[in-house]
Amino acid sequence: SVKGRFSISRDNAKNTVYLQMNSLTPEDTAIYYCAAARTYSRSYTN
């Protein structure tokens, strides 16, 4: 649902990750949470 509109990036020197959100729609209304994971699979699951 966000492909082509959102872009994730990171700046490790600043210990920061970003989410650029373009072409927003009312369906994007939500509380957005940042998360960290020790493995790649957990970064999008648990």
PDB file of all heavy atoms in Angstrom:
ATOM      1  N   SER A   1       0.793  -1.218   0.000  1.00  0.00           N
ATOM      2  CA  SER A   1       0.000   0.000   0.000  1.00  0.00           C
ATOM      3  C   SER A   1       0.834   1.281   0.000  1.00  0.00           C
ATOM      4  O   SER A   1       0.311   2.354  -0.305  1.00  0.00           O
ATOM      5  CB  SER A   1      -0.954   0.018   1.198  1.00  0.00           C
ATOM      6  OG  SER A   1      -0.239   0.031   2.421  1.00  0.00           O
ATOM      7  N   VAL A   2       2.124   1.187   0.321  1.00  0.00           N
ATOM      8  CA  VAL A   2       2.962   2.383   0.371  1.00  0.00           C
ATOM      9  C   VAL A   2       4.063   2.380  -0.674  1.00  0.00           C
ATOM     10  O   VAL A   2       4.796   3.370  -0.791  1.00  0.00           O
ATOM     11  CB  VAL A   2       3.580   2.581   1.766  1.00  0.00           C
ATOM     12  CG1 VAL A   2       2.504   2.558   2.841  1.00  0.00           C
ATOM     13  CG2 VAL A   2       4.652   1.539   2.048  1.00  0.00           C
ATOM     14  N   LYS A   3       4.189   1.317  -1.437  1.00  0.00           N
ATOM     15  CA  LYS A   3       5.228   1.242  -2.460  1.00  0.00           C
ATOM     16  C   LYS A   3       5.071   2.379  -3.467  1.00  0.00           C
ATOM     17  O   LYS A   3       3.985   2.652  -3.948  1.00  0.00           O
ATOM     18  CB  LYS A   3       5.176  -0.101  -3.185  1.00  0.00           C
ATOM     19  CG  LYS A   3       5.677  -1.267  -2.365  1.00  0.00           C
ATOM     20  CD  LYS A   3       5.616  -2.572  -3.151  1.00  0.00           C
ATOM     21  CE  LYS A   3       6.138  -3.729  -2.328  1.00  0.00           C
ATOM     22  NZ  LYS A   3       6.022  -5.017  -3.058  1.00  0.00           N
ATOM     23  N   GLY A   4       6.176   3.037  -3.763  1.00  0.00           N
ATOM     24  CA  GLY A   4       6.157   4.160  -4.685  1.00  0.00           C
ATOM     25  C   GLY A   4       5.831   5.478  -4.035  1.00  0.00           C
ATOM     26  O   GLY A   4       6.004   6.534  -4.664  1.00  0.00           O
ATOM     27  N   ARG A   5       5.359   5.464  -2.793  1.00  0.00           N
ATOM     28  CA  ARG A   5       5.011   6.690  -2.085  1.00  0.00           C
ATOM     29  C   ARG A   5       5.918   6.949  -0.885  1.00  0.00           C
ATOM     30  O   ARG A   5       6.240   8.096  -0.592  1.00  0.00           O
ATOM     31  CB  ARG A   5       3.561   6.645  -1.605  1.00  0.00           C
ATOM     32  CG  ARG A   5       2.539   6.501  -2.726  1.00  0.00           C
ATOM     33  CD  ARG A   5       1.120   6.691  -2.202  1.00  0.00           C
ATOM     34  NE  ARG A   5       0.758   5.685  -1.196  1.00  0.00           N
ATOM     35  CZ  ARG A   5       0.414   5.962   0.054  1.00  0.00           C
ATOM     36  NH1 ARG A   5       0.374   7.232   0.464  1.00  0.00           N
ATOM     37  NH2 ARG A   5       0.089   4.998   0.902  1.00  0.00           N
ATOM     38  N   PHE A   6       6.291   5.889  -0.181  1.00  0.00           N
ATOM     39  CA  PHE A   6       7.125   6.008   1.009  1.00  0.00           C
ATOM     40  C   PHE A   6       8.543   5.552   0.696  1.00  0.00           C
ATOM     41  O   PHE A   6       8.761   4.679  -0.155  1.00  0.00           O
ATOM     42  CB  PHE A   6       6.582   5.155   2.151  1.00  0.00           C
ATOM     43  CG  PHE A   6       5.285   5.631   2.751  1.00  0.00           C
ATOM     44  CD1 PHE A   6       4.535   6.630   2.157  1.00  0.00           C
ATOM     45  CD2 PHE A   6       4.824   5.066   3.928  1.00  0.00           C
ATOM     46  CE1 PHE A   6       3.340   7.062   2.716  1.00  0.00           C
ATOM     47  CE2 PHE A   6       3.633   5.484   4.498  1.00  0.00           C
ATOM     48  CZ  PHE A   6       2.895   6.484   3.891  1.00  0.00           C
ATOM     49  N   SER A   7       9.503   6.109   1.417  1.00  0.00           N
ATOM     50  CA  SER A   7      10.891   5.725   1.259  1.00  0.00           C
ATOM     51  C   SER A   7      11.570   5.704   2.624  1.00  0.00           C
ATOM     52  O   SER A   7      11.533   6.697   3.349  1.00  0.00           O
ATOM     53  CB  SER A   7      11.620   6.687   0.322  1.00  0.00           C
ATOM     54  OG  SER A   7      12.976   6.334   0.180  1.00  0.00           O
ATOM     55  N   ILE A   8      12.174   4.579   2.965  1.00  0.00           N
ATOM     56  CA  ILE A   8      12.898   4.452   4.215  1.00  0.00           C
ATOM     57  C   ILE A   8      14.386   4.628   3.953  1.00  0.00           C
ATOM     58  O   ILE A   8      14.914   4.177   2.933  1.00  0.00           O
ATOM     59  CB  ILE A   8      12.610   3.090   4.889  1.00  0.00           C
ATOM     60  CG1 ILE A   8      13.201   3.038   6.301  1.00  0.00           C
ATOM     61  CG2 ILE A   8      13.104   1.933   4.036  1.00  0.00           C
ATOM     62  CD1 ILE A   8      12.763   1.811   7.097  1.00  0.00           C
ATOM     63  N   SER A   9      15.067   5.301   4.864  1.00  0.00           N
ATOM     64  CA  SER A   9      16.501   5.511   4.747  1.00  0.00           C
ATOM     65  C   SER A   9      17.100   5.603   6.139  1.00  0.00           C
ATOM     66  O   SER A   9      16.375   5.706   7.134  1.00  0.00           O
ATOM     67  CB  SER A   9      16.808   6.773   3.929  1.00  0.00           C
ATOM     68  OG  SER A   9      16.287   7.927   4.575  1.00  0.00           O
ATOM     69  N   ARG A  10      18.415   5.571   6.213  1.00  0.00           N
ATOM     70  CA  ARG A  10      19.065   5.682   7.512  1.00  0.00           C
ATOM     71  C   ARG A  10      20.373   6.434   7.391  1.00  0.00           C
ATOM     72  O   ARG A  10      21.038   6.417   6.355  1.00  0.00           O
ATOM     73  CB  ARG A  10      19.278   4.295   8.138  1.00  0.00           C
ATOM     74  CG  ARG A  10      20.227   3.384   7.376  1.00  0.00           C
ATOM     75  CD  ARG A  10      20.126   1.943   7.895  1.00  0.00           C
ATOM     76  NE  ARG A  10      20.438   1.853   9.314  1.00  0.00           N
ATOM     77  CZ  ARG A  10      20.143   0.824  10.093  1.00  0.00           C
ATOM     78  NH1 ARG A  10      19.497  -0.226   9.587  1.00  0.00           N
ATOM     79  NH2 ARG A  10      20.474   0.834  11.379  1.00  0.00           N
ATOM     80  N   ASP A  11      20.726   7.099   8.471  1.00  0.00           N
ATOM     81  CA  ASP A  11      21.991   7.803   8.593  1.00  0.00           C
ATOM     82  C   ASP A  11      22.628   7.280   9.871  1.00  0.00           C
ATOM     83  O   ASP A  11      22.330   7.759  10.968  1.00  0.00           O
ATOM     84  CB  ASP A  11      21.787   9.312   8.648  1.00  0.00           C
ATOM     85  CG  ASP A  11      23.091  10.086   8.639  1.00  0.00           C
ATOM     86  OD1 ASP A  11      24.146   9.506   8.943  1.00  0.00           O
ATOM     87  OD2 ASP A  11      23.059  11.297   8.328  1.00  0.00           O
ATOM     88  N   ASN A  12      23.475   6.288   9.732  1.00  0.00           N
ATOM     89  CA  ASN A  12      24.032   5.628  10.904  1.00  0.00           C
ATOM     90  C   ASN A  12      24.922   6.556  11.734  1.00  0.00           C
ATOM     91  O   ASN A  12      25.031   6.383  12.951  1.00  0.00           O
ATOM     92  CB  ASN A  12      24.818   4.386  10.484  1.00  0.00           C
ATOM     93  CG  ASN A  12      23.922   3.278   9.977  1.00  0.00           C
ATOM     94  OD1 ASN A  12      22.721   3.267  10.236  1.00  0.00           O
ATOM     95  ND2 ASN A  12      24.498   2.332   9.251  1.00  0.00           N
ATOM     96  N   ALA A  13      25.546   7.540  11.096  1.00  0.00           N
ATOM     97  CA  ALA A  13      26.373   8.490  11.826  1.00  0.00           C
ATOM     98  C   ALA A  13      25.548   9.316  12.805  1.00  0.00           C
ATOM     99  O   ALA A  13      26.069   9.799  13.807  1.00  0.00           O
ATOM    100  CB  ALA A  13      27.120   9.403  10.862  1.00  0.00           C
ATOM    101  N   LYS A  14      24.258   9.498  12.499  1.00  0.00           N
ATOM    102  CA  LYS A  14      23.354  10.251  13.363  1.00  0.00           C
ATOM    103  C   LYS A  14      22.452   9.355  14.195  1.00  0.00           C
ATOM    104  O   LYS A  14      21.579   9.854  14.912  1.00  0.00           O
ATOM    105  CB  LYS A  14      22.494  11.201  12.529  1.00  0.00           C
ATOM    106  CG  LYS A  14      23.281  12.260  11.786  1.00  0.00           C
ATOM    107  CD  LYS A  14      22.358  13.175  10.998  1.00  0.00           C
ATOM    108  CE  LYS A  14      23.139  14.256  10.281  1.00  0.00           C
ATOM    109  NZ  LYS A  14      22.249  15.151   9.494  1.00  0.00           N
ATOM    110  N   ASN A  15      22.646   8.047  14.097  1.00  0.00           N
ATOM    111  CA  ASN A  15      21.796   7.080  14.800  1.00  0.00           C
ATOM    112  C   ASN A  15      20.320   7.319  14.503  1.00  0.00           C
ATOM    113  O   ASN A  15      19.474   7.248  15.399  1.00  0.00           O
ATOM    114  CB  ASN A  15      22.043   7.134  16.309  1.00  0.00           C
ATOM    115  CG  ASN A  15      23.391   6.583  16.707  1.00  0.00           C
ATOM    116  OD1 ASN A  15      24.009   5.816  15.967  1.00  0.00           O
ATOM    117  ND2 ASN A  15      23.862   6.955  17.884  1.00  0.00           N
ATOM    118  N   THR A  16      20.017   7.587  13.248  1.00  0.00           N
ATOM    119  CA  THR A  16      18.677   7.992  12.867  1.00  0.00           C
ATOM    120  C   THR A  16      18.197   7.232  11.636  1.00  0.00           C
ATOM    121  O   THR A  16      18.965   7.011  10.695  1.00  0.00           O
ATOM    122  CB  THR A  16      18.616   9.501  12.591  1.00  0.00           C
ATOM    123  OG1 THR A  16      19.010  10.214  13.769  1.00  0.00           O
ATOM    124  CG2 THR A  16      17.209   9.932  12.209  1.00  0.00           C
ATOM    125  N   VAL A  17      16.932   6.853  11.660  1.00  0.00           N
ATOM    126  CA  VAL A  17      16.272   6.272  10.505  1.00  0.00           C
ATOM    127  C   VAL A  17      15.098   7.173  10.139  1.00  0.00           C
ATOM    128  O   VAL A  17      14.468   7.783  11.016  1.00  0.00           O
ATOM    129  CB  VAL A  17      15.821   4.825  10.785  1.00  0.00           C
ATOM    130  CG1 VAL A  17      14.790   4.777  11.912  1.00  0.00           C
ATOM    131  CG2 VAL A  17      15.283   4.177   9.519  1.00  0.00           C
ATOM    132  N   TYR A  18      14.806   7.281   8.848  1.00  0.00           N
ATOM    133  CA  TYR A  18      13.781   8.183   8.350  1.00  0.00           C
ATOM    134  C   TYR A  18      12.718   7.421   7.574  1.00  0.00           C
ATOM    135  O   TYR A  18      12.973   6.355   7.009  1.00  0.00           O
ATOM    136  CB  TYR A  18      14.383   9.240   7.427  1.00  0.00           C
ATOM    137  CG  TYR A  18      15.506  10.036   8.040  1.00  0.00           C
ATOM    138  CD1 TYR A  18      16.828   9.667   7.829  1.00  0.00           C
ATOM    139  CD2 TYR A  18      15.246  11.162   8.814  1.00  0.00           C
ATOM    140  CE1 TYR A  18      17.866  10.397   8.385  1.00  0.00           C
ATOM    141  CE2 TYR A  18      16.275  11.894   9.374  1.00  0.00           C
ATOM    142  CZ  TYR A  18      17.581  11.512   9.161  1.00  0.00           C
ATOM    143  OH  TYR A  18      18.611  12.233   9.710  1.00  0.00           O
ATOM    144  N   LEU A  19      11.538   8.000   7.541  1.00  0.00           N
ATOM    145  CA  LEU A  19      10.485   7.525   6.662  1.00  0.00           C
ATOM    146  C   LEU A  19       9.912   8.733   5.935  1.00  0.00           C
ATOM    147  O   LEU A  19       9.197   9.543   6.530  1.00  0.00           O
ATOM    148  CB  LEU A  19       9.379   6.797   7.434  1.00  0.00           C
ATOM    149  CG  LEU A  19       8.285   6.168   6.567  1.00  0.00           C
ATOM    150  CD1 LEU A  19       8.859   5.000   5.759  1.00  0.00           C
ATOM    151  CD2 LEU A  19       7.112   5.692   7.415  1.00  0.00           C
ATOM    152  N   GLN A  20      10.259   8.870   4.663  1.00  0.00           N
ATOM    153  CA  GLN A  20       9.714   9.933   3.827  1.00  0.00           C
ATOM    154  C   GLN A  20       8.387   9.461   3.257  1.00  0.00           C
ATOM    155  O   GLN A  20       8.331   8.432   2.584  1.00  0.00           O
ATOM    156  CB  GLN A  20      10.690  10.277   2.698  1.00  0.00           C
ATOM    157  CG  GLN A  20      10.180  11.342   1.737  1.00  0.00           C
ATOM    158  CD  GLN A  20      10.069  12.695   2.389  1.00  0.00           C
ATOM    159  OE1 GLN A  20      10.977  13.131   3.100  1.00  0.00           O
ATOM    160  NE2 GLN A  20       8.946  13.380   2.170  1.00  0.00           N
ATOM    161  N   MET A  21       7.330  10.207   3.521  1.00  0.00           N
ATOM    162  CA  MET A  21       5.989   9.831   3.107  1.00  0.00           C
ATOM    163  C   MET A  21       5.448  10.883   2.153  1.00  0.00           C
ATOM    164  O   MET A  21       5.277  12.040   2.531  1.00  0.00           O
ATOM    165  CB  MET A  21       5.070   9.681   4.317  1.00  0.00           C
ATOM    166  CG  MET A  21       5.597   8.715   5.370  1.00  0.00           C
ATOM    167  SD  MET A  21       4.429   8.447   6.729  1.00  0.00           S
ATOM    168  CE  MET A  21       4.399  10.097   7.440  1.00  0.00           C
ATOM    169  N   ASN A  22       5.185  10.480   0.928  1.00  0.00           N
ATOM    170  CA  ASN A  22       4.659  11.366  -0.097  1.00  0.00           C
ATOM    171  C   ASN A  22       3.278  10.898  -0.541  1.00  0.00           C
ATOM    172  O   ASN A  22       2.891   9.754  -0.315  1.00  0.00           O
ATOM    173  CB  ASN A  22       5.602  11.411  -1.306  1.00  0.00           C
ATOM    174  CG  ASN A  22       6.981  11.907  -0.966  1.00  0.00           C
ATOM    175  OD1 ASN A  22       7.159  12.809  -0.147  1.00  0.00           O
ATOM    176  ND2 ASN A  22       7.996  11.326  -1.615  1.00  0.00           N
ATOM    177  N   SER A  23       2.554  11.793  -1.200  1.00  0.00           N
ATOM    178  CA  SER A  23       1.223  11.483  -1.726  1.00  0.00           C
ATOM    179  C   SER A  23       0.335  10.850  -0.662  1.00  0.00           C
ATOM    180  O   SER A  23      -0.325   9.837  -0.890  1.00  0.00           O
ATOM    181  CB  SER A  23       1.338  10.562  -2.947  1.00  0.00           C
ATOM    182  OG  SER A  23       2.110  11.166  -3.970  1.00  0.00           O
ATOM    183  N   LEU A  24       0.312  11.455   0.492  1.00  0.00           N
ATOM    184  CA  LEU A  24      -0.431  10.899   1.617  1.00  0.00           C
ATOM    185  C   LEU A  24      -1.934  10.935   1.373  1.00  0.00           C
ATOM    186  O   LEU A  24      -2.453  11.856   0.747  1.00  0.00           O
ATOM    187  CB  LEU A  24      -0.097  11.662   2.892  1.00  0.00           C
ATOM    188  CG  LEU A  24       1.290  11.363   3.471  1.00  0.00           C
ATOM    189  CD1 LEU A  24       1.692  12.439   4.461  1.00  0.00           C
ATOM    190  CD2 LEU A  24       1.300   9.990   4.136  1.00  0.00           C
ATOM    191  N   THR A  25      -2.603   9.922   1.885  1.00  0.00           N
ATOM    192  CA  THR A  25      -4.053   9.811   1.809  1.00  0.00           C
ATOM    193  C   THR A  25      -4.611   9.635   3.210  1.00  0.00           C
ATOM    194  O   THR A  25      -3.881   9.290   4.142  1.00  0.00           O
ATOM    195  CB  THR A  25      -4.481   8.621   0.936  1.00  0.00           C
ATOM    196  OG1 THR A  25      -4.247   7.397   1.644  1.00  0.00           O
ATOM    197  CG2 THR A  25      -3.712   8.599  -0.376  1.00  0.00           C
ATOM    198  N   PRO A  26      -5.917   9.863   3.401  1.00  0.00           N
ATOM    199  CA  PRO A  26      -6.503   9.655   4.730  1.00  0.00           C
ATOM    200  C   PRO A  26      -6.297   8.246   5.262  1.00  0.00           C
ATOM    201  O   PRO A  26      -6.276   8.058   6.486  1.00  0.00           O
ATOM    202  CB  PRO A  26      -7.994   9.952   4.502  1.00  0.00           C
ATOM    203  CG  PRO A  26      -7.995  10.943   3.389  1.00  0.00           C
ATOM    204  CD  PRO A  26      -6.885  10.499   2.479  1.00  0.00           C
ATOM    205  N   GLU A  27      -6.136   7.262   4.383  1.00  0.00           N
ATOM    206  CA  GLU A  27      -5.894   5.889   4.814  1.00  0.00           C
ATOM    207  C   GLU A  27      -4.537   5.719   5.483  1.00  0.00           C
ATOM    208  O   GLU A  27      -4.287   4.695   6.126  1.00  0.00           O
ATOM    209  CB  GLU A  27      -6.014   4.926   3.631  1.00  0.00           C
ATOM    210  CG  GLU A  27      -7.447   4.731   3.115  1.00  0.00           C
ATOM    211  CD  GLU A  27      -7.988   5.959   2.401  1.00  0.00           C
ATOM    212  OE1 GLU A  27      -7.216   6.627   1.677  1.00  0.00           O
ATOM    213  OE2 GLU A  27      -9.182   6.261   2.566  1.00  0.00           O
ATOM    214  N   ASP A  28      -3.660   6.693   5.339  1.00  0.00           N
ATOM    215  CA  ASP A  28      -2.362   6.649   5.995  1.00  0.00           C
ATOM    216  C   ASP A  28      -2.416   7.164   7.427  1.00  0.00           C
ATOM    217  O   ASP A  28      -1.409   7.102   8.140  1.00  0.00           O
ATOM    218  CB  ASP A  28      -1.329   7.463   5.209  1.00  0.00           C
ATOM    219  CG  ASP A  28      -1.063   6.889   3.830  1.00  0.00           C
ATOM    220  OD1 ASP A  28      -0.885   5.654   3.726  1.00  0.00           O
ATOM    221  OD2 ASP A  28      -1.024   7.672   2.858  1.00  0.00           O
ATOM    222  N   THR A  29      -3.548   7.687   7.850  1.00  0.00           N
ATOM    223  CA  THR A  29      -3.698   8.199   9.210  1.00  0.00           C
ATOM    224  C   THR A  29      -3.499   7.070  10.214  1.00  0.00           C
ATOM    225  O   THR A  29      -4.175   6.043  10.149  1.00  0.00           O
ATOM    226  CB  THR A  29      -5.073   8.839   9.401  1.00  0.00           C
ATOM    227  OG1 THR A  29      -5.181   9.999   8.574  1.00  0.00           O
ATOM    228  CG2 THR A  29      -5.284   9.247  10.847  1.00  0.00           C
ATOM    229  N   ALA A  30      -2.569   7.259  11.129  1.00  0.00           N
ATOM    230  CA  ALA A  30      -2.244   6.227  12.113  1.00  0.00           C
ATOM    231  C   ALA A  30      -1.177   6.754  13.055  1.00  0.00           C
ATOM    232  O   ALA A  30      -0.594   7.822  12.827  1.00  0.00           O
ATOM    233  CB  ALA A  30      -1.740   4.954  11.422  1.00  0.00           C
ATOM    234  N   ILE A  31      -0.931   5.999  14.106  1.00  0.00           N
ATOM    235  CA  ILE A  31       0.252   6.219  14.915  1.00  0.00           C
ATOM    236  C   ILE A  31       1.372   5.401  14.294  1.00  0.00           C
ATOM    237  O   ILE A  31       1.214   4.197  14.065  1.00  0.00           O
ATOM    238  CB  ILE A  31       0.039   5.803  16.378  1.00  0.00           C
ATOM    239  CG1 ILE A  31      -1.107   6.592  16.999  1.00  0.00           C
ATOM    240  CG2 ILE A  31       1.312   6.016  17.182  1.00  0.00           C
ATOM    241  CD1 ILE A  31      -1.465   6.144  18.406  1.00  0.00           C
ATOM    242  N   TYR A  32       2.480   6.047  14.020  1.00  0.00           N
ATOM    243  CA  TYR A  32       3.614   5.390  13.386  1.00  0.00           C
ATOM    244  C   TYR A  32       4.688   5.094  14.423  1.00  0.00           C
ATOM    245  O   TYR A  32       5.084   5.963  15.197  1.00  0.00           O
ATOM    246  CB  TYR A  32       4.183   6.268  12.270  1.00  0.00           C
ATOM    247  CG  TYR A  32       3.351   6.240  11.021  1.00  0.00           C
ATOM    248  CD1 TYR A  32       2.107   6.863  10.981  1.00  0.00           C
ATOM    249  CD2 TYR A  32       3.787   5.569   9.877  1.00  0.00           C
ATOM    250  CE1 TYR A  32       1.321   6.820   9.843  1.00  0.00           C
ATOM    251  CE2 TYR A  32       3.010   5.528   8.731  1.00  0.00           C
ATOM    252  CZ  TYR A  32       1.767   6.158   8.726  1.00  0.00           C
ATOM    253  OH  TYR A  32       0.998   6.117   7.589  1.00  0.00           O
ATOM    254  N   TYR A  33       5.154   3.851  14.418  1.00  0.00           N
ATOM    255  CA  TYR A  33       6.131   3.380  15.386  1.00  0.00           C
ATOM    256  C   TYR A  33       7.427   2.975  14.697  1.00  0.00           C
ATOM    257  O   TYR A  33       7.406   2.280  13.683  1.00  0.00           O
ATOM    258  CB  TYR A  33       5.597   2.165  16.149  1.00  0.00           C
ATOM    259  CG  TYR A  33       4.361   2.431  16.971  1.00  0.00           C
ATOM    260  CD1 TYR A  33       3.100   2.258  16.430  1.00  0.00           C
ATOM    261  CD2 TYR A  33       4.464   2.839  18.295  1.00  0.00           C
ATOM    262  CE1 TYR A  33       1.958   2.489  17.179  1.00  0.00           C
ATOM    263  CE2 TYR A  33       3.330   3.070  19.049  1.00  0.00           C
ATOM    264  CZ  TYR A  33       2.079   2.895  18.492  1.00  0.00           C
ATOM    265  OH  TYR A  33       0.951   3.124  19.246  1.00  0.00           O
ATOM    266  N   CYS A  34       8.515   3.392  15.268  1.00  0.00           N
ATOM    267  CA  CYS A  34       9.832   2.946  14.857  1.00  0.00           C
ATOM    268  C   CYS A  34      10.206   1.704  15.650  1.00  0.00           C
ATOM    269  O   CYS A  34       9.839   1.575  16.824  1.00  0.00           O
ATOM    270  CB  CYS A  34      10.843   4.073  15.095  1.00  0.00           C
ATOM    271  SG  CYS A  34      12.561   3.659  14.750  1.00  0.00           S
ATOM    272  N   ALA A  35      10.919   0.780  15.028  1.00  0.00           N
ATOM    273  CA  ALA A  35      11.297  -0.453  15.695  1.00  0.00           C
ATOM    274  C   ALA A  35      12.697  -0.883  15.279  1.00  0.00           C
ATOM    275  O   ALA A  35      13.157  -0.576  14.179  1.00  0.00           O
ATOM    276  CB  ALA A  35      10.295  -1.559  15.361  1.00  0.00           C
ATOM    277  N   ALA A  36      13.362  -1.614  16.168  1.00  0.00           N
ATOM    278  CA  ALA A  36      14.701  -2.134  15.922  1.00  0.00           C
ATOM    279  C   ALA A  36      14.714  -3.629  16.175  1.00  0.00           C
ATOM    280  O   ALA A  36      14.051  -4.120  17.090  1.00  0.00           O
ATOM    281  CB  ALA A  36      15.719  -1.437  16.812  1.00  0.00           C
ATOM    282  N   ALA A  37      15.494  -4.348  15.376  1.00  0.00           N
ATOM    283  CA  ALA A  37      15.555  -5.793  15.475  1.00  0.00           C
ATOM    284  C   ALA A  37      16.976  -6.294  15.295  1.00  0.00           C
ATOM    285  O   ALA A  37      17.760  -5.712  14.536  1.00  0.00           O
ATOM    286  CB  ALA A  37      14.639  -6.442  14.434  1.00  0.00           C
ATOM    287  N   ARG A  38      17.292  -7.386  15.964  1.00  0.00           N
ATOM    288  CA  ARG A  38      18.624  -7.969  15.867  1.00  0.00           C
ATOM    289  C   ARG A  38      18.804  -8.783  14.596  1.00  0.00           C
ATOM    290  O   ARG A  38      19.940  -9.000  14.167  1.00  0.00           O
ATOM    291  CB  ARG A  38      18.903  -8.846  17.087  1.00  0.00           C
ATOM    292  CG  ARG A  38      18.944  -8.073  18.403  1.00  0.00           C
ATOM    293  CD  ARG A  38      19.341  -8.990  19.547  1.00  0.00           C
ATOM    294  NE  ARG A  38      19.425  -8.269  20.820  1.00  0.00           N
ATOM    295  CZ  ARG A  38      18.438  -8.187  21.693  1.00  0.00           C
ATOM    296  NH1 ARG A  38      17.280  -8.788  21.455  1.00  0.00           N
ATOM    297  NH2 ARG A  38      18.606  -7.511  22.821  1.00  0.00           N
ATOM    298  N   THR A  39      17.726  -9.257  14.018  1.00  0.00           N
ATOM    299  CA  THR A  39      17.789  -9.966  12.751  1.00  0.00           C
ATOM    300  C   THR A  39      16.890  -9.272  11.743  1.00  0.00           C
ATOM    301  O   THR A  39      15.932  -8.581  12.110  1.00  0.00           O
ATOM    302  CB  THR A  39      17.360 -11.436  12.891  1.00  0.00           C
ATOM    303  OG1 THR A  39      15.968 -11.503  13.216  1.00  0.00           O
ATOM    304  CG2 THR A  39      18.174 -12.132  13.974  1.00  0.00           C
ATOM    305  N   TYR A  40      17.193  -9.473  10.457  1.00  0.00           N
ATOM    306  CA  TYR A  40      16.435  -8.789   9.424  1.00  0.00           C
ATOM    307  C   TYR A  40      14.973  -9.229   9.424  1.00  0.00           C
ATOM    308  O   TYR A  40      14.072  -8.398   9.309  1.00  0.00           O
ATOM    309  CB  TYR A  40      17.052  -9.028   8.053  1.00  0.00           C
ATOM    310  CG  TYR A  40      16.367  -8.259   6.948  1.00  0.00           C
ATOM    311  CD1 TYR A  40      16.446  -6.869   6.897  1.00  0.00           C
ATOM    312  CD2 TYR A  40      15.645  -8.915   5.959  1.00  0.00           C
ATOM    313  CE1 TYR A  40      15.811  -6.157   5.900  1.00  0.00           C
ATOM    314  CE2 TYR A  40      15.013  -8.201   4.948  1.00  0.00           C
ATOM    315  CZ  TYR A  40      15.099  -6.828   4.926  1.00  0.00           C
ATOM    316  OH  TYR A  40      14.469  -6.123   3.927  1.00  0.00           O
ATOM    317  N   SER A  41      14.721 -10.515   9.570  1.00  0.00           N
ATOM    318  CA  SER A  41      13.350 -11.003   9.528  1.00  0.00           C
ATOM    319  C   SER A  41      12.507 -10.424  10.666  1.00  0.00           C
ATOM    320  O   SER A  41      11.319 -10.153  10.491  1.00  0.00           O
ATOM    321  CB  SER A  41      13.319 -12.528   9.562  1.00  0.00           C
ATOM    322  OG  SER A  41      13.889 -13.029  10.760  1.00  0.00           O
ATOM    323  N   ARG A  42      13.102 -10.227  11.814  1.00  0.00           N
ATOM    324  CA  ARG A  42      12.364  -9.662  12.936  1.00  0.00           C
ATOM    325  C   ARG A  42      12.039  -8.193  12.739  1.00  0.00           C
ATOM    326  O   ARG A  42      11.119  -7.668  13.375  1.00  0.00           O
ATOM    327  CB  ARG A  42      13.132  -9.863  14.243  1.00  0.00           C
ATOM    328  CG  ARG A  42      13.181 -11.315  14.706  1.00  0.00           C
ATOM    329  CD  ARG A  42      14.061 -11.484  15.943  1.00  0.00           C
ATOM    330  NE  ARG A  42      13.519 -10.819  17.114  1.00  0.00           N
ATOM    331  CZ  ARG A  42      12.609 -11.337  17.938  1.00  0.00           C
ATOM    332  NH1 ARG A  42      12.143 -12.558  17.712  1.00  0.00           N
ATOM    333  NH2 ARG A  42      12.185 -10.648  18.976  1.00  0.00           N
ATOM    334  N   SER A  43      12.747  -7.512  11.864  1.00  0.00           N
ATOM    335  CA  SER A  43      12.509  -6.094  11.640  1.00  0.00           C
ATOM    336  C   SER A  43      11.151  -5.832  11.004  1.00  0.00           C
ATOM    337  O   SER A  43      10.638  -4.712  11.093  1.00  0.00           O
ATOM    338  CB  SER A  43      13.616  -5.478  10.769  1.00  0.00           C
ATOM    339  OG  SER A  43      13.546  -5.946   9.434  1.00  0.00           O
ATOM    340  N   TYR A  44      10.562  -6.837  10.359  1.00  0.00           N
ATOM    341  CA  TYR A  44       9.242  -6.669   9.773  1.00  0.00           C
ATOM    342  C   TYR A  44       8.218  -7.649  10.347  1.00  0.00           C
ATOM    343  O   TYR A  44       7.097  -7.731   9.833  1.00  0.00           O
ATOM    344  CB  TYR A  44       9.287  -6.783   8.240  1.00  0.00           C
ATOM    345  CG  TYR A  44       9.925  -8.038   7.688  1.00  0.00           C
ATOM    346  CD1 TYR A  44       9.192  -9.206   7.533  1.00  0.00           C
ATOM    347  CD2 TYR A  44      11.262  -8.045   7.290  1.00  0.00           C
ATOM    348  CE1 TYR A  44       9.771 -10.349   7.014  1.00  0.00           C
ATOM    349  CE2 TYR A  44      11.844  -9.186   6.766  1.00  0.00           C
ATOM    350  CZ  TYR A  44      11.100 -10.332   6.625  1.00  0.00           C
ATOM    351  OH  TYR A  44      11.683 -11.473   6.097  1.00  0.00           O
ATOM    352  N   THR A  45       8.582  -8.361  11.395  1.00  0.00           N
ATOM    353  CA  THR A  45       7.655  -9.289  12.035  1.00  0.00           C
ATOM    354  C   THR A  45       7.526  -9.020  13.533  1.00  0.00           C
ATOM    355  O   THR A  45       6.456  -8.621  14.017  1.00  0.00           O
ATOM    356  CB  THR A  45       8.080 -10.743  11.811  1.00  0.00           C
ATOM    357  OG1 THR A  45       9.434 -10.936  12.266  1.00  0.00           O
ATOM    358  CG2 THR A  45       8.004 -11.105  10.330  1.00  0.00           C
ATOM    359  N   ASN A  46       8.596  -9.240  14.265  1.00  0.00           N
ATOM    360  CA  ASN A  46       8.565  -9.124  15.723  1.00  0.00           C
ATOM    361  C   ASN A  46       9.822  -8.417  16.215  1.00  0.00           C
ATOM    362  O   ASN A  46      10.735  -9.052  16.732  1.00  0.00           O
ATOM    363  CB  ASN A  46       8.430 -10.512  16.345  1.00  0.00           C
ATOM    364  CG  ASN A  46       8.260 -10.495  17.847  1.00  0.00           C
ATOM    365  OD1 ASN A  46       8.674 -11.415  18.534  1.00  0.00           O
ATOM    366  ND2 ASN A  46       7.648  -9.441  18.372  1.00  0.00           N
TER     367      ASN A  46
END
